[in-house]
Protein backbone atom coordinates (compact mmCIF):
# COMPACT_ATOMS: atom_id res chain seq x y z
CA MET A 1 1.00 6.70 -170.99
CA ILE A 2 4.61 6.66 -169.81
CA GLU A 3 7.15 5.25 -172.22
CA LEU A 4 10.35 3.88 -170.75
CA SER A 5 13.63 4.25 -172.58
CA GLU A 6 15.40 1.15 -173.78
CA PRO A 7 18.31 1.60 -171.29
CA THR A 8 15.79 1.84 -168.44
CA ILE A 9 14.09 -1.36 -169.57
CA ILE A 10 17.45 -3.13 -169.81
CA ASP A 11 18.27 -1.99 -166.26
CA GLN A 12 14.95 -3.46 -165.12
CA ILE A 13 15.73 -6.74 -166.85
CA VAL A 14 19.10 -6.89 -165.05
CA GLU A 15 17.40 -6.32 -161.70
CA ARG A 16 14.66 -8.88 -162.36
CA LEU A 17 17.05 -11.57 -163.57
CA ALA A 18 19.46 -10.96 -160.69
CA ARG A 19 16.56 -11.74 -158.33
CA ASN A 20 15.51 -14.79 -160.38
CA TYR A 21 19.04 -16.25 -160.54
CA PRO A 22 20.40 -15.74 -157.02
CA THR A 23 23.23 -18.24 -157.56
CA VAL A 24 24.67 -16.11 -160.37
CA PRO A 25 26.58 -13.03 -159.19
CA PRO A 26 24.73 -9.79 -160.04
CA ALA A 27 27.74 -8.51 -161.97
CA THR A 28 27.60 -11.62 -164.16
CA VAL A 29 23.88 -11.11 -164.76
CA SER A 30 24.56 -7.53 -165.82
CA THR A 31 27.41 -8.60 -168.10
CA VAL A 32 25.27 -11.27 -169.76
CA VAL A 33 22.27 -8.98 -170.28
CA ARG A 34 24.33 -6.05 -171.54
CA GLY A 35 26.37 -8.30 -173.82
CA ILE A 36 23.23 -9.70 -175.39
CA HIS A 37 21.81 -6.20 -175.69
CA ALA A 38 24.95 -5.08 -177.52
CA ARG A 39 24.29 -7.74 -180.19
CA PHE A 40 21.27 -5.70 -181.25
CA ASP A 41 23.18 -2.43 -181.73
CA GLY A 42 22.46 -0.87 -185.08
CA ARG A 43 19.32 -2.90 -185.69
CA PRO A 44 16.51 -0.69 -186.97
CA LEU A 45 13.53 -2.27 -185.22
CA ARG A 46 13.88 -1.60 -181.48
CA ASP A 47 10.42 -2.44 -180.13
CA TYR A 48 11.14 -6.08 -179.35
CA VAL A 49 14.82 -5.83 -178.43
CA PRO A 50 14.21 -5.96 -174.65
CA LEU A 51 12.07 -9.09 -175.08
CA PHE A 52 14.76 -10.79 -177.14
CA VAL A 53 17.45 -9.72 -174.67
CA GLU A 54 15.53 -11.14 -171.70
CA ARG A 55 14.77 -14.44 -173.43
CA ASN A 56 18.39 -14.94 -174.49
CA ALA A 57 19.70 -13.91 -171.08
CA LYS A 58 17.37 -16.38 -169.31
CA HIS A 59 18.77 -19.13 -171.49
CA GLU A 60 22.40 -18.21 -170.78
CA LEU A 61 21.82 -17.63 -167.07
CA GLY A 62 19.99 -20.93 -166.79
CA GLN A 63 23.10 -22.65 -168.12
CA LEU A 64 25.33 -20.73 -165.70
CA SER A 65 23.18 -21.53 -162.67
CA ALA A 66 22.96 -25.26 -163.46
């Protein structure tokens, strides 16, 4: 089984969301995702961080694309 690092997963989230929100500039998608990811710095439980980041980013990007 191949385990991906958290930064790799975050990069994949940026790419996926940039495709899903074509009206939002890719740089903005990256800024949103990485900003949300930074909120979880220092938190001990890392397993679900990418899931939380993606959910929160979808919410924010949905507001930006509306």
